[in-house]
């Protein structure tokens, strides 16, 4: 699964590169496209996405254990509710597109805003596709099938890469003024086709698994009230995350042309190691955590959470060091030279310190969800959002306009560090312990190995390319980790 996730993320990065080549790094056109393409993800996460892991998966796990048909009818009704509910949400979002664009990008000029709204009308129907794909993927995961959901984003990326290639071939413009109708339609319809293709693969895999695809006209019988009670707190959690996303995007838009793209591209790079390591660990762990929690086996819950946090820290530390030390030369190597590339490289470097606290915070939150406690993580997420929004506001007030976007990832690092500490303390009180001594001991060793690797990579970066310097840092990290007997290295399986 980690291999599938890694390939999908690499393809996603290639997709970003193709779009930068087609629309131009640092251009208003690329910023406009990116803001519009953020909206369906933001709305989906606000309405459903956060509840998928925290509410839906635990309920599917409970239905599989307690119902005679292994939860098949329950899953069918849940999928039906998703289709009907998200169809309505999609219509409302399309109507509200102008206000959604204004919320995310107050720094856009008039032509930028108009084009972003037009793009949004084509992109927002992706909300329904995301919902169907996520629900089908959750059902597949509960049936022990992880491959299709892990590979599905690759389909999306390949389609958009093809769209970007065609756009380049037909001489598509890199400016808003030069954008022709055929160019706009190619980008708009092609991007949405990628999401539809991604969803189609997951649904096809679900049908192939033997699950009977059937929509129920009356989706009742899935404990909607229970979902509502659990989901109310999740809504607060997701609302906090989306407010933080909006604050970050708004701050980046004030950095001028290229600000939004630098932030979103750097964030996408940040998400690659998170997805390959942390998300793969969590996807495989959550069903088992939910079953252990349903049996009240708290010792196993503690052991799984501790192991996941420690393994993620050991695996992600080299990536964090690489981003921090080699962010600028890496961006120059991939995208060439220029002001937009320099801005991107600095933002990538600034995201490095956020990697480990974000991963540990996200993993520990799954402990609450397995226990069907959505209140505690929601309140903690609200604190995280407050810290993050305050950090973005501080960057807007204190930094020069061109540097505001650099303050955004630093706000992320502060917010998720606060969230990690709060989550660990509350979870420890809930479970009695969280294996804290071993977690702290592992992180101390990781910090030593990462510091040695960072110094080595920085010194090597003065005479080598970013790739070779990164390899030097990785070798040093593994050598020091082995000397310090970081046994979690043996747990890594790709």
Foldseek 3Di string as FASTA:
>chain_A
DLVLLLVLLVLVLVLLLLVCVLQNFLALVSLLLVLLLVVLVLLLLLPPVLCLLQPVLLLLLVCLVPPPVSCLLLLQLVLQCLLVVQVVVLVVCLVCLLVSSCLQAVLDDPLSSVLSNVLNNLNSVLNSLVSNQSSLQSNCLSVVHNNLLSNLSNQLSVQSSVLSVVSVVVPAYNHSVRHDPVNSCSNSNSNSVSSNSSSVSSVVVSVVVVRDNDHDPDSPDNPVVLSVVLVVLSSLLSVLVSLLNSLLSHLQSLLHRNSNVLLVSLVSLLCSLCCSQLVVLCSNCLSVLLVCLVVVVLVVNLVSLLLSLLLSLLSCLLVLLLQQQVLLLVLCVSPNDDPSSNSSSLLNNLLSLQRSLQSSLVSLVSNCSSNSNSNQSSVLSNQLSVQLSVQLVCLSVPPDSNCSSSSNSVSSNVSSNSSNVSSLVVVCVVSVHNPVVVSVVSNVLQVVLSVQLSVQLNVVVVPDRSVVSSVSSVVSSVVSCVVVPSVSVVVDDD
